[in-house]
Amino acid sequence: RAAGSLKAVLELGSMSVKAITKSGQPPPDAVTSDGKTAGVVGYLWSTEDDTLSLDVKPLTLEKTKRGQPGCPIEGDLAEALKARFTKRVLAGRVASIFDPLGICTPITAQLKVDMSTVCKLAEGWDNSLPSDLIPTWVKNLEQIRRLDEIKVPRNVGDSNDEETSFEMIVCVDASETLACAAVYARTEPEPGRYDCNLLLAKSKLANMCTI
């Protein structure tokens, strides 16, 4: 019923939808490239198990040309990084992570801290960085490459229970280098049993004493 109403409303404005995707079912062919997931605001929605993961592209150190990424890295990552170990390359890899909900904030927060170190050391965008930073960035790039392994439930609470009530739990913390905040929704599906789901998380570099 809701899908039909949506189509009717959009048609009033001379708009249309490519397809309607529902949780618990495979996505329509019009909105999937692998038969399992559909793209949703930078994420991949696995419709049958109703989870979200980051849409991580193959790792490359080459500059994008005409919207096309360079060849993915094959072989030893440290050796590939030595040839292109610059502020421009690292900033591009960090900026390629699109995570508006912040489901990977524990990882992206550390990337911000390491990138701030690079910015302080770099004399220019294309000058080579100190080689002693390579092990740190090999680890960082490996983590970026595996971010799509992190999956979180899309739905919060019991969609079949119209009387579900939510508690919002907000956690904040800060150090000398970083400040973070996370918002959770807590439900009580059964007396004494609680479920918590992350709704949103953000991190920000701290440029003054925050403790």
N, C-alpha and C. Protein backbone atom coordinates (compact mmCIF):
# COMPACT_ATOMS: atom_id res chain seq x y z
N ARG A 1 0.83 -1.20 0.00
CA ARG A 1 0.00 0.00 0.00
C ARG A 1 0.87 1.26 0.00
N ALA A 2 1.91 1.29 0.86
CA ALA A 2 2.77 2.46 0.94
C ALA A 2 3.51 2.69 -0.37
N ALA A 3 3.97 1.61 -1.01
CA ALA A 3 4.69 1.75 -2.28
C ALA A 3 3.78 2.34 -3.35
N GLY A 4 2.54 1.87 -3.37
CA GLY A 4 1.59 2.40 -4.34
C GLY A 4 1.29 3.86 -4.10
N SER A 5 1.18 4.25 -2.84
CA SER A 5 0.92 5.65 -2.51
C SER A 5 2.10 6.53 -2.91
N LEU A 6 3.31 6.03 -2.70
CA LEU A 6 4.50 6.78 -3.08
C LEU A 6 4.52 7.03 -4.58
N LYS A 7 4.26 6.01 -5.36
CA LYS A 7 4.25 6.16 -6.82
C LYS A 7 3.20 7.17 -7.25
N ALA A 8 2.02 7.11 -6.61
CA ALA A 8 0.94 8.02 -6.98
C ALA A 8 1.31 9.47 -6.69
N VAL A 9 1.94 9.71 -5.53
CA VAL A 9 2.32 11.06 -5.16
C VAL A 9 3.39 11.60 -6.12
N LEU A 10 4.36 10.78 -6.45
CA LEU A 10 5.42 11.22 -7.35
C LEU A 10 4.89 11.50 -8.76
N GLU A 11 3.93 10.71 -9.19
CA GLU A 11 3.35 10.92 -10.52
C GLU A 11 2.65 12.27 -10.61
N LEU A 12 2.13 12.77 -9.47
CA LEU A 12 1.50 14.09 -9.48
C LEU A 12 2.51 15.18 -9.83
N GLY A 13 3.77 14.93 -9.51
CA GLY A 13 4.81 15.89 -9.83
C GLY A 13 5.62 15.49 -11.05
N SER A 14 5.07 14.61 -11.88
CA SER A 14 5.72 14.12 -13.10
C SER A 14 7.05 13.45 -12.79
N MET A 15 7.12 12.74 -11.66
CA MET A 15 8.32 12.00 -11.27
C MET A 15 7.99 10.53 -11.17
N SER A 16 9.01 9.71 -11.20
CA SER A 16 8.80 8.27 -11.11
C SER A 16 9.95 7.64 -10.35
N VAL A 17 9.79 6.38 -9.96
CA VAL A 17 10.83 5.62 -9.28
C VAL A 17 11.28 4.48 -10.19
N LYS A 18 12.55 4.15 -10.08
CA LYS A 18 13.10 3.07 -10.91
C LYS A 18 12.58 1.72 -10.45
N ALA A 19 12.50 1.55 -9.12
CA ALA A 19 12.02 0.28 -8.56
C ALA A 19 11.74 0.47 -7.08
N ILE A 20 10.95 -0.42 -6.52
CA ILE A 20 10.66 -0.44 -5.09
C ILE A 20 11.39 -1.62 -4.47
N THR A 21 12.23 -1.34 -3.48
CA THR A 21 13.00 -2.39 -2.82
C THR A 21 12.47 -2.59 -1.41
N LYS A 22 12.27 -3.84 -1.01
CA LYS A 22 11.72 -4.16 0.30
C LYS A 22 12.68 -5.05 1.07
N SER A 23 12.75 -4.83 2.38
CA SER A 23 13.60 -5.66 3.22
C SER A 23 13.06 -7.08 3.26
N GLY A 24 14.00 -8.03 3.36
CA GLY A 24 13.62 -9.44 3.39
C GLY A 24 13.46 -10.07 2.02
N GLN A 25 13.62 -9.27 0.96
CA GLN A 25 13.46 -9.76 -0.41
C GLN A 25 14.68 -9.35 -1.23
N PRO A 26 15.03 -10.11 -2.28
CA PRO A 26 16.12 -9.69 -3.16
C PRO A 26 15.77 -8.37 -3.84
N PRO A 27 16.75 -7.52 -4.11
CA PRO A 27 16.46 -6.24 -4.76
C PRO A 27 16.10 -6.44 -6.22
N PRO A 28 15.25 -5.59 -6.79
CA PRO A 28 14.92 -5.67 -8.22
C PRO A 28 16.17 -5.49 -9.08
N ASP A 29 16.18 -6.10 -10.24
CA ASP A 29 17.34 -6.03 -11.13
C ASP A 29 17.71 -4.60 -11.50
N ALA A 30 16.73 -3.70 -11.51
CA ALA A 30 16.98 -2.32 -11.94
C ALA A 30 17.87 -1.54 -10.96
N VAL A 31 18.01 -2.02 -9.71
CA VAL A 31 18.76 -1.26 -8.72
C VAL A 31 19.90 -2.05 -8.09
N THR A 32 20.29 -3.16 -8.70
CA THR A 32 21.38 -3.96 -8.14
C THR A 32 22.32 -4.41 -9.24
N SER A 33 23.59 -4.53 -8.87
CA SER A 33 24.58 -5.03 -9.81
C SER A 33 25.06 -6.43 -9.46
N ASP A 34 24.74 -6.86 -8.23
CA ASP A 34 25.19 -8.19 -7.80
C ASP A 34 24.04 -9.11 -7.40
N GLY A 35 22.80 -8.61 -7.48
CA GLY A 35 21.66 -9.43 -7.12
C GLY A 35 21.40 -9.54 -5.64
N LYS A 36 22.26 -8.90 -4.82
CA LYS A 36 22.13 -9.01 -3.37
C LYS A 36 21.97 -7.66 -2.67
N THR A 37 22.59 -6.63 -3.24
CA THR A 37 22.61 -5.33 -2.56
C THR A 37 22.09 -4.22 -3.46
N ALA A 38 21.62 -3.15 -2.82
CA ALA A 38 21.20 -1.94 -3.52
C ALA A 38 21.92 -0.76 -2.88
N GLY A 39 22.32 0.22 -3.69
CA GLY A 39 23.02 1.38 -3.17
C GLY A 39 22.06 2.36 -2.50
N VAL A 40 22.44 2.81 -1.30
CA VAL A 40 21.61 3.76 -0.54
C VAL A 40 22.52 4.80 0.10
N VAL A 41 22.58 5.99 -0.47
CA VAL A 41 23.33 7.12 0.09
C VAL A 41 24.75 6.71 0.50
N GLY A 42 25.50 6.10 -0.39
CA GLY A 42 26.87 5.73 -0.10
C GLY A 42 27.05 4.38 0.56
N TYR A 43 25.96 3.74 0.94
CA TYR A 43 26.03 2.42 1.57
C TYR A 43 25.50 1.35 0.61
N LEU A 44 25.84 0.10 0.92
CA LEU A 44 25.25 -1.04 0.25
C LEU A 44 24.24 -1.67 1.20
N TRP A 45 22.99 -1.73 0.75
CA TRP A 45 21.93 -2.32 1.56
C TRP A 45 21.72 -3.76 1.12
N SER A 46 22.07 -4.70 2.00
CA SER A 46 21.79 -6.10 1.75
C SER A 46 20.35 -6.35 2.15
N THR A 47 19.47 -6.40 1.17
CA THR A 47 18.04 -6.34 1.46
C THR A 47 17.50 -7.59 2.17
N GLU A 48 18.04 -8.75 1.86
CA GLU A 48 17.47 -9.97 2.44
C GLU A 48 17.77 -10.10 3.93
N ASP A 49 18.99 -9.74 4.35
CA ASP A 49 19.26 -9.76 5.80
C ASP A 49 19.14 -8.38 6.43
N ASP A 50 18.78 -7.37 5.63
CA ASP A 50 18.48 -6.01 6.09
C ASP A 50 19.64 -5.39 6.87
N THR A 51 20.83 -5.39 6.26
CA THR A 51 22.00 -4.77 6.87
C THR A 51 22.61 -3.75 5.92
N LEU A 52 23.37 -2.82 6.50
CA LEU A 52 24.08 -1.80 5.73
C LEU A 52 25.58 -2.00 5.87
N SER A 53 26.32 -1.75 4.79
CA SER A 53 27.77 -1.75 4.83
C SER A 53 28.27 -0.64 3.92
N LEU A 54 29.51 -0.21 4.11
CA LEU A 54 30.06 0.85 3.27
C LEU A 54 30.29 0.35 1.85
N ASP A 55 30.08 1.24 0.90
CA ASP A 55 30.34 0.92 -0.50
C ASP A 55 31.80 1.27 -0.78
N VAL A 56 32.70 0.32 -0.53
CA VAL A 56 34.14 0.54 -0.64
C VAL A 56 34.61 0.18 -2.04
N LYS A 57 35.27 1.11 -2.69
CA LYS A 57 35.78 0.88 -4.04
C LYS A 57 37.16 0.21 -3.96
N PRO A 58 37.61 -0.45 -5.03
CA PRO A 58 38.95 -1.05 -5.04
C PRO A 58 40.01 0.00 -4.73
N LEU A 59 41.00 -0.39 -3.93
CA LEU A 59 42.03 0.54 -3.49
C LEU A 59 43.01 0.85 -4.62
N THR A 60 43.17 2.13 -4.92
CA THR A 60 44.12 2.57 -5.92
C THR A 60 44.84 3.81 -5.41
N LEU A 61 46.08 3.99 -5.84
CA LEU A 61 46.85 5.18 -5.46
C LEU A 61 46.96 6.16 -6.61
N GLU A 62 46.35 5.82 -7.73
CA GLU A 62 46.42 6.69 -8.90
C GLU A 62 45.32 7.73 -8.87
N LYS A 63 45.53 8.81 -9.58
CA LYS A 63 44.56 9.89 -9.64
C LYS A 63 43.40 9.51 -10.54
N THR A 64 42.18 9.87 -10.12
CA THR A 64 41.01 9.61 -10.93
C THR A 64 41.03 10.47 -12.19
N LYS A 65 40.77 9.86 -13.33
CA LYS A 65 40.75 10.57 -14.60
C LYS A 65 39.39 10.39 -15.27
N ARG A 66 38.74 11.55 -15.53
CA ARG A 66 37.43 11.55 -16.17
C ARG A 66 36.44 10.64 -15.44
N GLY A 67 36.51 10.69 -14.11
CA GLY A 67 35.58 9.92 -13.30
C GLY A 67 35.93 8.46 -13.16
N GLN A 68 37.03 8.02 -13.79
CA GLN A 68 37.42 6.62 -13.73
C GLN A 68 38.62 6.45 -12.81
N PRO A 69 38.52 5.56 -11.81
CA PRO A 69 39.66 5.34 -10.90
C PRO A 69 40.79 4.62 -11.62
N GLY A 70 41.98 4.70 -11.03
CA GLY A 70 43.13 3.99 -11.60
C GLY A 70 43.05 2.50 -11.33
N CYS A 71 44.10 1.80 -11.71
CA CYS A 71 44.14 0.35 -11.53
C CYS A 71 44.28 0.00 -10.04
N PRO A 72 43.52 -0.97 -9.55
CA PRO A 72 43.63 -1.39 -8.15
C PRO A 72 45.04 -1.90 -7.84
N ILE A 73 45.44 -1.72 -6.59
CA ILE A 73 46.76 -2.17 -6.17
C ILE A 73 46.79 -3.69 -6.11
N GLU A 74 47.83 -4.26 -6.69
CA GLU A 74 48.07 -5.69 -6.61
C GLU A 74 49.48 -5.91 -6.07
N GLY A 75 49.66 -6.96 -5.30
CA GLY A 75 50.97 -7.22 -4.74
C GLY A 75 51.20 -6.50 -3.43
N ASP A 76 52.48 -6.22 -3.14
CA ASP A 76 52.86 -5.65 -1.86
C ASP A 76 52.41 -4.19 -1.75
N LEU A 77 51.60 -3.89 -0.75
CA LEU A 77 51.06 -2.55 -0.58
C LEU A 77 52.15 -1.56 -0.17
N ALA A 78 53.09 -1.99 0.66
CA ALA A 78 54.16 -1.10 1.11
C ALA A 78 55.01 -0.64 -0.07
N GLU A 79 55.32 -1.53 -0.97
CA GLU A 79 56.13 -1.17 -2.13
C GLU A 79 55.37 -0.20 -3.04
N ALA A 80 54.07 -0.46 -3.22
CA ALA A 80 53.26 0.44 -4.05
C ALA A 80 53.17 1.83 -3.43
N LEU A 81 53.11 1.88 -2.09
CA LEU A 81 52.96 3.16 -1.39
C LEU A 81 54.25 3.98 -1.44
N LYS A 82 55.39 3.31 -1.41
CA LYS A 82 56.67 4.03 -1.43
C LYS A 82 56.79 4.95 -2.64
N ALA A 83 56.26 4.50 -3.78
CA ALA A 83 56.40 5.27 -5.01
C ALA A 83 55.47 6.48 -5.06
N ARG A 84 54.41 6.48 -4.24
CA ARG A 84 53.43 7.57 -4.29
C ARG A 84 53.04 7.99 -2.87
N PHE A 85 54.03 8.13 -1.99
CA PHE A 85 53.76 8.43 -0.59
C PHE A 85 53.74 9.94 -0.39
N THR A 86 52.61 10.56 -0.75
CA THR A 86 52.46 12.01 -0.67
C THR A 86 51.18 12.37 0.06
N LYS A 87 51.11 13.62 0.49
CA LYS A 87 49.91 14.12 1.16
C LYS A 87 48.70 14.03 0.26
N ARG A 88 48.85 14.32 -1.04
CA ARG A 88 47.73 14.29 -1.96
C ARG A 88 47.13 12.89 -2.07
N VAL A 89 47.98 11.88 -2.18
CA VAL A 89 47.50 10.51 -2.33
C VAL A 89 46.78 10.05 -1.06
N LEU A 90 47.37 10.31 0.10
CA LEU A 90 46.75 9.87 1.35
C LEU A 90 45.44 10.60 1.62
N ALA A 91 45.41 11.89 1.35
CA ALA A 91 44.18 12.66 1.56
C ALA A 91 43.06 12.13 0.65
N GLY A 92 43.42 11.75 -0.57
CA GLY A 92 42.42 11.20 -1.49
C GLY A 92 41.83 9.90 -1.00
N ARG A 93 42.68 9.05 -0.41
CA ARG A 93 42.18 7.77 0.08
C ARG A 93 41.27 7.98 1.30
N VAL A 94 41.65 8.90 2.19
CA VAL A 94 40.81 9.16 3.36
C VAL A 94 39.48 9.80 2.93
N ALA A 95 39.54 10.73 1.98
CA ALA A 95 38.33 11.41 1.52
C ALA A 95 37.39 10.48 0.75
N SER A 96 37.91 9.35 0.29
CA SER A 96 37.06 8.43 -0.48
C SER A 96 36.07 7.68 0.40
N ILE A 97 36.25 7.76 1.72
CA ILE A 97 35.34 7.07 2.64
C ILE A 97 34.10 7.94 2.85
N PHE A 98 32.95 7.45 2.42
CA PHE A 98 31.70 8.19 2.59
C PHE A 98 30.84 7.43 3.59
N ASP A 99 30.75 7.98 4.80
CA ASP A 99 30.08 7.29 5.90
C ASP A 99 29.23 8.29 6.68
N PRO A 100 28.12 8.76 6.10
CA PRO A 100 27.32 9.81 6.76
C PRO A 100 26.74 9.41 8.11
N LEU A 101 26.50 8.12 8.33
CA LEU A 101 25.96 7.68 9.63
C LEU A 101 27.06 7.48 10.66
N GLY A 102 28.30 7.38 10.20
CA GLY A 102 29.41 7.21 11.14
C GLY A 102 29.54 5.82 11.70
N ILE A 103 29.12 4.80 10.94
CA ILE A 103 29.19 3.43 11.47
C ILE A 103 30.64 2.95 11.60
N CYS A 104 31.56 3.59 10.90
CA CYS A 104 32.98 3.22 10.97
C CYS A 104 33.81 4.28 11.68
N THR A 105 33.17 5.08 12.52
CA THR A 105 33.86 6.17 13.21
C THR A 105 35.08 5.72 14.01
N PRO A 106 35.09 4.57 14.69
CA PRO A 106 36.31 4.17 15.41
C PRO A 106 37.53 4.08 14.50
N ILE A 107 37.32 3.77 13.24
CA ILE A 107 38.43 3.67 12.29
C ILE A 107 38.70 5.02 11.64
N THR A 108 37.66 5.70 11.18
CA THR A 108 37.86 6.97 10.50
C THR A 108 38.39 8.05 11.44
N ALA A 109 38.08 7.93 12.73
CA ALA A 109 38.62 8.89 13.70
C ALA A 109 40.14 8.78 13.77
N GLN A 110 40.65 7.56 13.79
CA GLN A 110 42.10 7.37 13.82
C GLN A 110 42.74 7.86 12.53
N LEU A 111 42.03 7.68 11.41
CA LEU A 111 42.55 8.18 10.13
C LEU A 111 42.70 9.71 10.16
N LYS A 112 41.76 10.39 10.81
CA LYS A 112 41.85 11.84 10.93
C LYS A 112 43.09 12.24 11.73
N VAL A 113 43.35 11.52 12.81
CA VAL A 113 44.52 11.83 13.64
C VAL A 113 45.80 11.62 12.85
N ASP A 114 45.89 10.48 12.13
CA ASP A 114 47.09 10.20 11.34
C ASP A 114 47.24 11.18 10.19
N MET A 115 46.11 11.61 9.61
CA MET A 115 46.17 12.57 8.51
C MET A 115 46.63 13.94 9.02
N SER A 116 46.27 14.29 10.24
CA SER A 116 46.71 15.57 10.79
C SER A 116 48.23 15.57 10.98
N THR A 117 48.79 14.42 11.33
CA THR A 117 50.25 14.29 11.43
C THR A 117 50.91 14.52 10.08
N VAL A 118 50.30 13.93 9.03
CA VAL A 118 50.81 14.11 7.68
C VAL A 118 50.78 15.58 7.28
N CYS A 119 49.68 16.26 7.60
CA CYS A 119 49.55 17.68 7.22
C CYS A 119 50.58 18.56 7.90
N LYS A 120 50.95 18.20 9.12
CA LYS A 120 51.95 18.98 9.85
C LYS A 120 53.35 18.76 9.27
N LEU A 121 53.60 17.56 8.74
CA LEU A 121 54.93 17.24 8.22
C LEU A 121 55.11 17.61 6.76
N ALA A 122 54.00 17.59 6.00
CA ALA A 122 54.10 17.78 4.55
C ALA A 122 54.42 19.23 4.20
N GLU A 123 55.44 19.42 3.35
CA GLU A 123 55.77 20.76 2.87
C GLU A 123 54.93 21.15 1.65
N GLY A 124 54.43 20.17 0.96
CA GLY A 124 53.59 20.41 -0.21
C GLY A 124 52.73 19.19 -0.48
N TRP A 125 51.79 19.32 -1.38
CA TRP A 125 50.86 18.22 -1.67
C TRP A 125 51.55 17.03 -2.33
N ASP A 126 52.60 17.28 -3.09
CA ASP A 126 53.21 16.21 -3.88
C ASP A 126 54.64 15.89 -3.46
N ASN A 127 55.10 16.44 -2.35
CA ASN A 127 56.42 16.09 -1.84
C ASN A 127 56.36 14.76 -1.09
N SER A 128 57.42 13.97 -1.20
CA SER A 128 57.45 12.67 -0.52
C SER A 128 57.46 12.85 0.99
N LEU A 129 56.73 11.99 1.68
CA LEU A 129 56.65 12.04 3.14
C LEU A 129 57.73 11.16 3.75
N PRO A 130 58.04 11.34 5.04
CA PRO A 130 59.05 10.50 5.70
C PRO A 130 58.69 9.01 5.62
N SER A 131 59.67 8.19 5.30
CA SER A 131 59.42 6.77 5.10
C SER A 131 59.01 6.05 6.39
N ASP A 132 59.34 6.64 7.56
CA ASP A 132 58.96 5.96 8.81
C ASP A 132 57.46 5.97 9.05
N LEU A 133 56.70 6.74 8.24
CA LEU A 133 55.24 6.74 8.36
C LEU A 133 54.58 5.66 7.50
N ILE A 134 55.36 5.01 6.65
CA ILE A 134 54.78 4.03 5.73
C ILE A 134 54.08 2.88 6.45
N PRO A 135 54.67 2.25 7.50
CA PRO A 135 53.96 1.15 8.19
C PRO A 135 52.60 1.57 8.72
N THR A 136 52.50 2.80 9.25
CA THR A 136 51.22 3.29 9.75
C THR A 136 50.19 3.37 8.64
N TRP A 137 50.61 3.85 7.48
CA TRP A 137 49.65 4.04 6.39
C TRP A 137 49.38 2.76 5.61
N VAL A 138 50.29 1.81 5.67
CA VAL A 138 49.96 0.48 5.14
C VAL A 138 48.82 -0.12 5.95
N LYS A 139 48.92 0.00 7.28
CA LYS A 139 47.85 -0.49 8.14
C LYS A 139 46.55 0.25 7.88
N ASN A 140 46.63 1.58 7.73
CA ASN A 140 45.43 2.37 7.47
C ASN A 140 44.76 2.00 6.16
N LEU A 141 45.54 1.83 5.11
CA LEU A 141 44.97 1.50 3.81
C LEU A 141 44.38 0.09 3.80
N GLU A 142 45.00 -0.81 4.53
CA GLU A 142 44.42 -2.16 4.66
C GLU A 142 43.07 -2.09 5.36
N GLN A 143 42.96 -1.23 6.37
CA GLN A 143 41.68 -1.08 7.06
C GLN A 143 40.63 -0.46 6.15
N ILE A 144 41.04 0.54 5.36
CA ILE A 144 40.10 1.15 4.42
C ILE A 144 39.59 0.11 3.43
N ARG A 145 40.49 -0.74 2.97
CA ARG A 145 40.12 -1.76 2.00
C ARG A 145 39.11 -2.77 2.57
N ARG A 146 39.10 -2.91 3.89
CA ARG A 146 38.23 -3.92 4.52
C ARG A 146 37.01 -3.32 5.22
N LEU A 147 36.76 -2.04 5.03
CA LEU A 147 35.63 -1.40 5.72
C LEU A 147 34.29 -2.00 5.32
N ASP A 148 34.21 -2.57 4.11
CA ASP A 148 32.93 -3.15 3.68
C ASP A 148 32.58 -4.42 4.44
N GLU A 149 33.51 -4.93 5.25
CA GLU A 149 33.22 -6.12 6.06
C GLU A 149 32.37 -5.76 7.28
N ILE A 150 32.31 -4.48 7.62
CA ILE A 150 31.50 -4.04 8.76
C ILE A 150 30.04 -3.92 8.33
N LYS A 151 29.17 -4.64 8.97
CA LYS A 151 27.75 -4.62 8.64
C LYS A 151 26.94 -4.27 9.89
N VAL A 152 25.95 -3.41 9.73
CA VAL A 152 25.10 -3.03 10.86
C VAL A 152 23.64 -3.19 10.45
N PRO A 153 22.75 -3.49 11.40
CA PRO A 153 21.32 -3.59 11.06
C PRO A 153 20.78 -2.26 10.56
N ARG A 154 19.98 -2.31 9.51
CA ARG A 154 19.36 -1.07 9.02
C ARG A 154 18.19 -0.69 9.90
N ASN A 155 17.41 -1.67 10.31
CA ASN A 155 16.19 -1.41 11.08
C ASN A 155 16.51 -1.27 12.57
N VAL A 156 15.85 -0.38 13.22
CA VAL A 156 16.00 -0.18 14.65
C VAL A 156 14.70 -0.54 15.34
N GLY A 157 14.75 -1.47 16.29
CA GLY A 157 13.53 -1.88 16.97
C GLY A 157 12.78 -2.93 16.18
N ASP A 158 11.62 -3.28 16.65
CA ASP A 158 10.77 -4.28 16.02
C ASP A 158 9.77 -3.59 15.10
N SER A 159 9.94 -3.77 13.79
CA SER A 159 9.07 -3.09 12.84
C SER A 159 7.63 -3.59 12.90
N ASN A 160 7.41 -4.74 13.55
CA ASN A 160 6.06 -5.29 13.65
C ASN A 160 5.34 -4.82 14.92
N ASP A 161 6.06 -4.11 15.77
CA ASP A 161 5.47 -3.65 17.02
C ASP A 161 5.25 -2.15 16.95
N GLU A 162 3.99 -1.73 16.77
CA GLU A 162 3.68 -0.31 16.64
C GLU A 162 3.80 0.45 17.96
N GLU A 163 3.91 -0.27 19.08
CA GLU A 163 3.98 0.39 20.38
C GLU A 163 5.40 0.43 20.94
N THR A 164 6.39 0.10 20.11
CA THR A 164 7.78 0.13 20.57
C THR A 164 8.18 1.55 20.98
N SER A 165 8.75 1.68 22.16
CA SER A 165 9.24 2.98 22.61
C SER A 165 10.76 2.96 22.61
N PHE A 166 11.37 4.13 22.38
CA PHE A 166 12.82 4.22 22.26
C PHE A 166 13.37 5.17 23.31
N GLU A 167 14.56 4.84 23.79
CA GLU A 167 15.34 5.75 24.63
C GLU A 167 16.56 6.16 23.82
N MET A 168 16.88 7.45 23.83
CA MET A 168 18.05 7.95 23.14
C MET A 168 19.20 8.04 24.14
N ILE A 169 20.31 7.39 23.81
CA ILE A 169 21.50 7.41 24.66
C ILE A 169 22.61 8.10 23.89
N VAL A 170 23.10 9.21 24.43
CA VAL A 170 24.15 9.99 23.77
C VAL A 170 25.44 9.88 24.59
N CYS A 171 26.51 9.44 23.93
CA CYS A 171 27.80 9.30 24.58
C CYS A 171 28.79 10.26 23.93
N VAL A 172 29.53 10.99 24.74
CA VAL A 172 30.54 11.92 24.22
C VAL A 172 31.83 11.74 25.01
N ASP A 173 32.94 11.98 24.33
CA ASP A 173 34.23 11.91 25.01
C ASP A 173 35.24 12.71 24.19
N ALA A 174 36.33 13.08 24.83
CA ALA A 174 37.35 13.87 24.15
C ALA A 174 38.71 13.61 24.75
N SER A 175 39.74 13.81 23.93
CA SER A 175 41.12 13.73 24.38
C SER A 175 41.83 14.99 23.91
N GLU A 176 43.14 15.00 23.99
CA GLU A 176 43.89 16.16 23.52
C GLU A 176 43.86 16.29 22.00
N THR A 177 43.56 15.19 21.32
CA THR A 177 43.62 15.20 19.85
C THR A 177 42.27 15.02 19.18
N LEU A 178 41.28 14.46 19.88
CA LEU A 178 40.05 14.07 19.20
C LEU A 178 38.84 14.18 20.12
N ALA A 179 37.69 14.55 19.53
CA ALA A 179 36.42 14.55 20.25
C ALA A 179 35.44 13.68 19.46
N CYS A 180 34.66 12.87 20.16
CA CYS A 180 33.73 11.94 19.50
C CYS A 180 32.37 11.98 20.20
N ALA A 181 31.35 11.68 19.42
CA ALA A 181 29.99 11.56 19.97
C ALA A 181 29.28 10.43 19.26
N ALA A 182 28.45 9.70 19.99
CA ALA A 182 27.68 8.60 19.42
C ALA A 182 26.27 8.62 20.00
N VAL A 183 25.29 8.37 19.15
CA VAL A 183 23.89 8.36 19.56
C VAL A 183 23.33 6.96 19.33
N TYR A 184 22.76 6.38 20.38
CA TYR A 184 22.19 5.04 20.31
C TYR A 184 20.69 5.10 20.60
N ALA A 185 19.96 4.15 20.02
CA ALA A 185 18.55 3.97 20.35
C ALA A 185 18.43 2.66 21.12
N ARG A 186 17.81 2.74 22.30
CA ARG A 186 17.64 1.55 23.13
C ARG A 186 16.17 1.17 23.20
N THR A 187 15.90 -0.11 22.99
CA THR A 187 14.54 -0.64 23.10
C THR A 187 14.53 -1.77 24.13
N GLU A 188 13.34 -2.07 24.61
CA GLU A 188 13.17 -3.17 25.57
C GLU A 188 12.14 -4.14 25.00
N PRO A 189 12.58 -5.06 24.10
CA PRO A 189 11.63 -5.99 23.47
C PRO A 189 10.96 -6.92 24.47
N GLU A 190 11.66 -7.23 25.56
CA GLU A 190 11.11 -8.06 26.62
C GLU A 190 11.51 -7.44 27.96
N PRO A 191 10.71 -7.60 28.99
CA PRO A 191 11.06 -7.03 30.30
C PRO A 191 12.45 -7.49 30.74
N GLY A 192 13.32 -6.53 30.99
CA GLY A 192 14.66 -6.84 31.45
C GLY A 192 15.67 -7.14 30.36
N ARG A 193 15.24 -7.19 29.09
CA ARG A 193 16.18 -7.43 27.99
C ARG A 193 16.18 -6.22 27.06
N TYR A 194 17.35 -5.65 26.85
CA TYR A 194 17.47 -4.42 26.09
C TYR A 194 18.29 -4.65 24.81
N ASP A 195 17.90 -3.94 23.77
CA ASP A 195 18.66 -3.92 22.52
C ASP A 195 19.11 -2.49 22.25
N CYS A 196 20.37 -2.31 21.87
CA CYS A 196 20.89 -0.99 21.52
C CYS A 196 21.38 -1.00 20.08
N ASN A 197 21.04 0.03 19.34
CA ASN A 197 21.48 0.19 17.96
C ASN A 197 22.09 1.57 17.76
N LEU A 198 23.22 1.60 17.09
CA LEU A 198 23.86 2.88 16.78
C LEU A 198 23.05 3.62 15.73
N LEU A 199 22.71 4.87 16.01
CA LEU A 199 22.00 5.71 15.05
C LEU A 199 22.96 6.62 14.29
N LEU A 200 23.90 7.21 15.01
CA LEU A 200 24.78 8.20 14.40
C LEU A 200 26.03 8.37 15.25
N ALA A 201 27.17 8.55 14.58
CA ALA A 201 28.41 8.83 15.30
C ALA A 201 29.23 9.83 14.51
N LYS A 202 29.94 10.69 15.22
CA LYS A 202 30.76 11.71 14.58
C LYS A 202 32.06 11.87 15.38
N SER A 203 33.11 12.28 14.69
CA SER A 203 34.37 12.59 15.35
C SER A 203 34.93 13.88 14.77
N LYS A 204 35.74 14.58 15.56
CA LYS A 204 36.31 15.84 15.13
C LYS A 204 37.67 16.03 15.81
N LEU A 205 38.63 16.51 15.02
CA LEU A 205 39.93 16.80 15.60
C LEU A 205 39.82 17.94 16.60
N ALA A 206 40.49 17.79 17.71
CA ALA A 206 40.49 18.84 18.74
C ALA A 206 41.74 19.68 18.58
N ASN A 207 41.59 20.99 18.45
CA ASN A 207 42.74 21.87 18.25
C ASN A 207 43.08 22.68 19.49
N MET A 208 42.53 22.27 20.64
CA MET A 208 42.90 22.90 21.90
C MET A 208 42.64 21.91 23.02
N CYS A 209 43.10 22.22 24.22
CA CYS A 209 42.94 21.29 25.34
C CYS A 209 41.46 21.11 25.66
N THR A 210 41.00 19.87 25.69
CA THR A 210 39.58 19.60 25.91
C THR A 210 39.34 18.81 27.19
N ILE A 211 40.40 18.41 27.86
CA ILE A 211 40.21 17.54 29.02
C ILE A 211 39.78 18.37 30.23
